[in-house]
Amino acid sequence: MSSRPDDQHDASYVAGSLAHRVPDLGALELLLAVARLGSLGRAARELGVSQPAASSRVRSMERHLGLALVDRSPRGSRLTDTGQLVADWARKVVEAAAAFDAGTQALKDRRDSRLRVAASMTIAEYLLPGWLIALSERRPGTAVSLHAGNSAEVARRVRSDEADLGFVEGLSVPEGLDSAVVAHDLLLVVVAPGHPWARRRQPVTAGELARTPLILREEGSGTRQVLEVALGGLTRPLIELSSTTAVKTAAVGGAGPAVVSELAVAEEVAARRLVPVRLDPSLRLGRDLRAVWPAGHRPVGPARELLALTRV
């Protein structure tokens, strides 16, 4: 079957695209330097290349265009009449490239001047402060804003471009996002020292834990998700709170058993204000902590540096 005229036109356009027909910026800059300085040698020195390399580049450009651009003589080099005309056009191309470069650099500077981070409560309170301090030492001019919420809210913010980088807890990568594991965590069941489970020798089983009203984070939190999957369901919470600090405070006050990250209760456990409950060995409450970003778009600028700091 014969090809359509439009197909032939498209093919010829690709084969003869500007990238193949127009000299590169370096060659155009060299031509302008020769026009300004009247010497190929001085032009080469100004641009930081050897004179043989500059001569070769000019000859290559002349072959590429099929035009004589430079007259060479013992007294120096000067542009031909054709070369002068080409130089006038080249000047506009180089000026446009300089404007392009300045514009893209301004965009990068604006991007690098701020970093929007969204993180789950546990990561925001116990891991991010150290990472952000390290980032501020590397990028003192970058202003960082942090939104702390549950993992579902963090994923939503990253997907809707309200955050440049997110950090979540849970068993899986949220839909529409790519991720990297930055830490591992273990959930603990903790009680106040006066609670019966603090003195209990027999491990608490998964079924018993599932039937017990617990102090929990709200739905959508990574902690809640991991616990529900591990137990196959939960009874109605004793208390449902929106922050890890509030969950800990309620447990220390003796309200009942709470489920929290071991990162969050290290100080309370060491001071015996909270006691970890022995659990059946078959009950696995480990989880990955992840950095997340929109699928197919690797972090750049300050977000990339922050991600690198989390994986040191």
Protein backbone atom coordinates (compact mmCIF):
# COMPACT_ATOMS: atom_id res chain seq x y z
CA MET A 1 0.00 0.00 0.00
CA SER A 2 1.44 3.41 -0.93
CA SER A 3 2.09 5.93 1.78
CA ARG A 4 0.02 9.09 2.07
CA PRO A 5 1.56 12.46 1.05
CA ASP A 6 1.26 13.60 4.66
CA ASP A 7 3.33 10.59 5.79
CA GLN A 8 6.03 11.43 3.26
CA HIS A 9 6.02 15.06 4.40
CA ASP A 10 6.36 14.03 8.06
CA ALA A 11 9.23 11.68 7.26
CA SER A 12 11.11 14.33 5.28
CA TYR A 13 10.55 16.87 8.04
CA VAL A 14 12.05 14.55 10.68
CA ALA A 15 15.02 13.68 8.46
CA GLY A 16 15.66 17.36 7.78
CA SER A 17 14.83 18.75 11.20
CA LEU A 18 16.61 21.81 12.55
CA ALA A 19 18.81 19.67 14.77
CA HIS A 20 20.37 18.21 11.64
CA ARG A 21 20.52 21.43 9.61
CA VAL A 22 21.57 24.13 12.07
CA PRO A 23 25.09 24.30 13.59
CA ASP A 24 25.33 23.83 17.34
CA LEU A 25 25.59 26.80 19.72
CA GLY A 26 29.30 26.30 20.27
CA ALA A 27 30.00 26.72 16.57
CA LEU A 28 27.84 29.84 16.38
CA GLU A 29 29.58 31.35 19.43
CA LEU A 30 32.94 30.68 17.77
CA LEU A 31 31.81 32.43 14.57
CA LEU A 32 30.70 35.48 16.57
CA ALA A 33 34.01 35.57 18.45
CA VAL A 34 35.95 35.53 15.15
CA ALA A 35 33.78 38.39 13.86
CA ARG A 36 34.39 40.42 17.05
CA LEU A 37 38.12 39.73 17.50
CA GLY A 38 39.27 39.42 13.88
CA SER A 39 41.42 36.42 14.78
CA LEU A 40 40.66 32.71 14.96
CA GLY A 41 43.46 32.25 17.50
CA ARG A 42 42.12 34.94 19.86
CA ALA A 43 38.59 33.56 19.45
CA ALA A 44 39.85 30.08 20.35
CA ARG A 45 41.60 31.40 23.48
CA GLU A 46 38.51 33.32 24.58
CA LEU A 47 36.37 30.20 24.30
CA GLY A 48 38.96 27.95 25.93
CA VAL A 49 39.72 25.68 22.97
CA SER A 50 42.89 25.08 20.95
CA GLN A 51 43.39 26.88 17.65
CA PRO A 52 43.47 23.61 15.65
CA ALA A 53 40.17 22.59 17.27
CA ALA A 54 38.66 26.01 16.44
CA SER A 55 39.87 25.80 12.80
CA SER A 56 38.42 22.32 12.50
CA ARG A 57 35.10 23.49 13.91
CA VAL A 58 34.87 26.40 11.46
CA ARG A 59 35.63 24.10 8.51
CA SER A 60 33.06 21.62 9.74
CA MET A 61 30.45 24.40 10.01
CA GLU A 62 31.25 25.60 6.48
CA ARG A 63 30.84 22.05 5.13
CA HIS A 64 27.64 21.64 7.12
CA LEU A 65 26.09 24.79 5.67
CA GLY A 66 27.72 24.56 2.25
CA LEU A 67 28.91 28.17 2.64
CA ALA A 68 32.29 29.93 2.94
CA LEU A 69 32.20 31.88 6.19
CA VAL A 70 35.78 32.87 7.09
CA ASP A 71 38.69 34.26 5.05
CA ARG A 72 42.01 33.24 6.61
CA SER A 73 45.26 35.13 6.00
CA PRO A 74 48.59 35.73 7.79
CA ARG A 75 47.14 39.02 9.04
CA GLY A 76 44.22 37.26 10.73
CA SER A 77 40.75 35.98 10.00
CA ARG A 78 37.73 37.89 8.87
CA LEU A 79 34.23 36.90 7.91
CA THR A 80 33.21 36.79 4.27
CA ASP A 81 30.17 38.79 3.23
CA THR A 82 28.18 35.58 3.56
CA GLY A 83 29.79 34.98 6.94
CA GLN A 84 28.74 38.44 8.13
CA LEU A 85 25.13 37.69 7.21
CA VAL A 86 25.25 34.29 8.89
CA ALA A 87 26.82 35.91 11.97
CA ASP A 88 23.92 38.36 12.20
CA TRP A 89 21.49 35.45 12.28
CA ALA A 90 23.75 33.52 14.66
CA ARG A 91 23.74 36.46 17.09
CA LYS A 92 19.94 36.26 17.35
CA VAL A 93 20.10 32.50 17.95
CA VAL A 94 22.74 32.86 20.67
CA GLU A 95 20.80 35.70 22.32
CA ALA A 96 17.65 33.56 22.27
CA ALA A 97 19.61 30.67 23.79
CA ALA A 98 20.92 32.97 26.51
CA ALA A 99 17.37 34.08 27.30
CA PHE A 100 16.28 30.44 27.33
CA ASP A 101 19.10 29.57 29.73
CA ALA A 102 18.32 32.50 32.03
CA GLY A 103 14.64 31.60 32.06
CA THR A 104 15.16 27.94 32.89
CA GLN A 105 17.70 28.87 35.57
CA ALA A 106 15.16 31.24 37.11
CA LEU A 107 12.61 28.42 37.17
CA LYS A 108 15.12 26.13 38.89
CA ASP A 109 16.02 28.85 41.39
CA ARG A 110 12.35 29.32 42.21
CA ARG A 111 11.87 25.57 42.58
CA ASP A 112 14.95 25.25 44.75
CA SER A 113 13.93 28.14 47.01
CA ARG A 114 11.17 26.03 48.61
CA LEU A 115 10.39 22.44 49.49
CA ARG A 116 6.91 21.22 50.38
CA VAL A 117 6.93 18.04 52.44
CA ALA A 118 3.97 15.98 53.63
CA ALA A 119 4.57 13.21 56.15
CA SER A 120 2.70 10.79 58.36
CA MET A 121 2.67 11.65 62.05
CA THR A 122 5.31 9.12 63.15
CA ILE A 123 7.79 10.14 60.45
CA ALA A 124 7.08 13.85 60.90
CA GLU A 125 7.69 13.71 64.65
CA TYR A 126 10.53 11.22 64.98
CA LEU A 127 12.53 11.00 61.73
CA LEU A 128 12.02 14.12 59.62
CA PRO A 129 13.50 16.67 62.07
CA GLY A 130 16.96 15.12 61.76
CA TRP A 131 16.71 14.86 57.97
CA LEU A 132 15.54 18.46 57.64
CA ILE A 133 18.35 19.76 59.85
CA ALA A 134 20.85 17.99 57.59
CA LEU A 135 19.14 19.44 54.51
CA SER A 136 19.26 22.97 55.93
CA GLU A 137 23.04 22.63 56.33
CA ARG A 138 23.33 21.78 52.64
CA ARG A 139 20.68 24.22 51.39
CA PRO A 140 20.39 27.11 53.84
CA GLY A 141 18.42 29.16 51.30
CA THR A 142 15.64 26.60 50.87
CA ALA A 143 12.45 27.28 52.84
CA VAL A 144 10.78 24.06 53.95
CA SER A 145 7.10 23.68 54.77
CA LEU A 146 5.85 20.49 56.44
CA HIS A 147 2.31 19.17 56.58
CA ALA A 148 1.80 16.31 59.03
CA GLY A 149 -1.22 14.05 58.59
CA ASN A 150 -2.16 10.43 58.10
CA SER A 151 -0.77 8.39 55.22
CA ALA A 152 -3.93 8.69 53.11
CA GLU A 153 -3.81 12.50 53.36
CA VAL A 154 -0.10 12.52 52.50
CA ALA A 155 -0.71 10.43 49.37
CA ARG A 156 -3.52 12.76 48.30
CA ARG A 157 -1.31 15.83 48.70
CA VAL A 158 1.50 14.33 46.64
CA ARG A 159 -0.87 13.23 43.85
CA SER A 160 -2.48 16.69 43.69
CA ASP A 161 0.91 18.51 43.59
CA GLU A 162 0.44 20.03 47.04
CA ALA A 163 3.69 18.42 48.19
CA ASP A 164 7.00 17.83 46.43
CA LEU A 165 7.80 14.75 48.50
CA GLY A 166 5.76 12.63 50.87
CA PHE A 167 6.48 10.09 53.60
CA VAL A 168 3.97 7.38 54.47
CA GLU A 169 3.53 4.32 56.65
CA GLY A 170 1.66 1.17 55.69
CA LEU A 171 1.87 -2.12 53.87
CA SER A 172 1.73 -0.97 50.26
CA VAL A 173 2.59 1.91 47.94
CA PRO A 174 -0.37 4.28 47.47
CA GLU A 175 -1.91 4.21 44.00
CA GLY A 176 -0.38 6.58 41.46
CA LEU A 177 2.88 7.00 43.38
CA ASP A 178 6.40 5.61 43.21
CA SER A 179 8.32 4.99 46.41
CA ALA A 180 11.54 4.11 48.18
CA VAL A 181 11.79 2.47 51.59
CA VAL A 182 13.59 4.85 53.99
CA ALA A 183 13.18 2.98 57.28
CA HIS A 184 11.58 -0.02 58.96
CA ASP A 185 9.31 0.20 61.97
CA LEU A 186 7.56 -2.07 64.47
CA LEU A 187 4.21 -1.41 66.10
CA LEU A 188 3.95 -2.06 69.83
CA VAL A 189 0.95 -2.61 72.04
CA VAL A 190 1.63 -0.57 75.18
CA VAL A 191 -0.20 -0.07 78.45
CA ALA A 192 0.28 1.91 81.65
CA PRO A 193 2.17 0.05 84.41
CA GLY A 194 -1.07 -0.47 86.36
CA HIS A 195 -2.88 -2.24 83.52
CA PRO A 196 -3.35 -6.05 83.89
CA TRP A 197 -1.53 -6.68 80.60
CA ALA A 198 1.62 -5.04 82.04
CA ARG A 199 2.06 -8.00 84.42
CA ARG A 200 0.69 -10.68 82.16
CA ARG A 201 3.04 -13.56 81.37
CA GLN A 202 0.94 -15.24 78.70
CA PRO A 203 1.25 -13.55 75.27
CA VAL A 204 -1.81 -11.73 73.98
CA THR A 205 -3.17 -13.51 70.92
CA ALA A 206 -4.30 -11.90 67.68
CA GLY A 207 -7.90 -12.84 68.38
CA GLU A 208 -7.81 -11.35 71.86
CA LEU A 209 -6.26 -8.14 70.57
CA ALA A 210 -8.87 -7.89 67.81
CA ARG A 211 -11.68 -8.19 70.37
CA THR A 212 -10.19 -5.63 72.76
CA PRO A 213 -11.19 -1.95 72.44
CA LEU A 214 -7.93 -0.11 71.80
CA ILE A 215 -6.69 3.47 71.75
CA LEU A 216 -6.03 4.00 68.05
CA ARG A 217 -5.21 6.54 65.38
CA GLU A 218 -7.97 7.52 62.97
CA GLU A 219 -8.88 5.58 59.83
CA GLY A 220 -6.47 6.37 57.01
CA SER A 221 -3.40 6.21 59.25
CA GLY A 222 -0.66 3.73 58.39
CA THR A 223 -0.71 2.37 61.95
CA ARG A 224 -4.41 1.58 61.73
CA GLN A 225 -4.01 -0.05 58.30
CA VAL A 226 -1.20 -2.38 59.42
CA LEU A 227 -3.09 -3.41 62.56
CA GLU A 228 -6.35 -4.11 60.72
CA VAL A 229 -4.60 -6.29 58.13
CA ALA A 230 -2.59 -8.18 60.77
CA LEU A 231 -5.66 -8.92 62.90
CA GLY A 232 -8.16 -9.42 60.11
CA GLY A 233 -10.39 -6.71 61.54
CA LEU A 234 -10.88 -4.70 64.73
CA THR A 235 -13.60 -4.14 67.24
CA ARG A 236 -14.79 -0.60 67.84
CA PRO A 237 -11.90 1.53 69.18
CA LEU A 238 -11.91 2.56 72.82
CA ILE A 239 -10.72 6.01 71.74
CA GLU A 240 -9.86 7.27 68.25
CA LEU A 241 -7.32 10.10 68.13
CA SER A 242 -5.67 12.05 65.31
CA SER A 243 -2.10 12.24 66.62
CA THR A 244 0.48 9.86 68.02
CA THR A 245 1.15 12.19 70.96
CA ALA A 246 -2.53 12.09 71.94
CA VAL A 247 -2.57 8.28 71.73
CA LYS A 248 0.49 8.07 73.99
CA THR A 249 -0.96 10.53 76.50
CA ALA A 250 -4.17 8.54 76.78
CA ALA A 251 -2.24 5.30 77.32
CA VAL A 252 0.06 6.85 79.95
CA GLY A 253 -3.06 8.08 81.71
CA GLY A 254 -4.34 4.52 82.00
CA ALA A 255 -7.22 4.74 79.51
CA GLY A 256 -6.35 1.38 77.99
CA PRO A 257 -4.04 -0.43 75.56
CA ALA A 258 -2.67 1.59 72.67
CA VAL A 259 -0.95 0.63 69.43
CA VAL A 260 1.93 2.92 68.43
CA SER A 261 5.27 2.91 66.65
CA GLU A 262 8.26 1.80 68.72
CA LEU A 263 9.92 5.04 67.54
CA ALA A 264 7.20 7.03 69.28
CA VAL A 265 7.35 5.36 72.70
CA ALA A 266 11.07 4.71 73.19
CA GLU A 267 11.30 7.43 75.86
CA GLU A 268 8.12 6.38 77.69
CA VAL A 269 9.16 2.71 77.70
CA ALA A 270 12.66 3.55 78.98
CA ALA A 271 11.11 5.61 81.81
CA ARG A 272 8.56 2.85 82.55
CA ARG A 273 5.65 5.18 81.95
CA LEU A 274 4.48 2.64 79.37
CA VAL A 275 5.01 -1.11 79.23
CA PRO A 276 5.17 -3.12 75.96
CA VAL A 277 2.72 -6.01 75.97
CA ARG A 278 3.93 -9.51 75.09
CA LEU A 279 2.25 -10.63 71.87
CA ASP A 280 1.89 -14.03 70.26
CA PRO A 281 5.00 -14.56 68.03
CA SER A 282 2.76 -15.24 65.03
CA LEU A 283 1.44 -11.68 65.19
CA ARG A 284 3.61 -9.57 62.87
CA LEU A 285 3.28 -5.82 63.21
CA GLY A 286 6.31 -4.67 61.20
CA ARG A 287 5.99 -2.13 58.41
CA ASP A 288 8.03 -0.14 55.93
CA LEU A 289 8.27 3.62 56.05
CA ARG A 290 8.40 5.04 52.55
CA ALA A 291 9.16 8.22 50.66
CA VAL A 292 6.62 8.73 47.85
CA TRP A 293 6.37 10.91 44.75
CA PRO A 294 4.19 10.98 41.59
CA ALA A 295 4.65 7.86 39.47
CA GLY A 296 7.14 8.35 36.65
CA HIS A 297 8.57 11.61 38.03
CA ARG A 298 11.70 11.19 40.12
CA PRO A 299 12.27 13.92 42.74
CA VAL A 300 14.51 16.83 41.66
CA GLY A 301 16.23 19.70 43.42
CA PRO A 302 15.77 19.89 47.22
CA ALA A 303 13.33 16.94 47.16
CA ARG A 304 16.00 14.73 45.60
CA GLU A 305 18.55 15.84 48.19
CA LEU A 306 16.15 15.17 51.05
CA LEU A 307 15.44 11.70 49.67
CA ALA A 308 19.19 11.01 49.49
CA LEU A 309 19.61 12.09 53.12
CA THR A 310 16.97 9.61 54.28
CA ARG A 311 18.89 6.73 52.74
CA VAL A 312 22.37 7.45 54.11
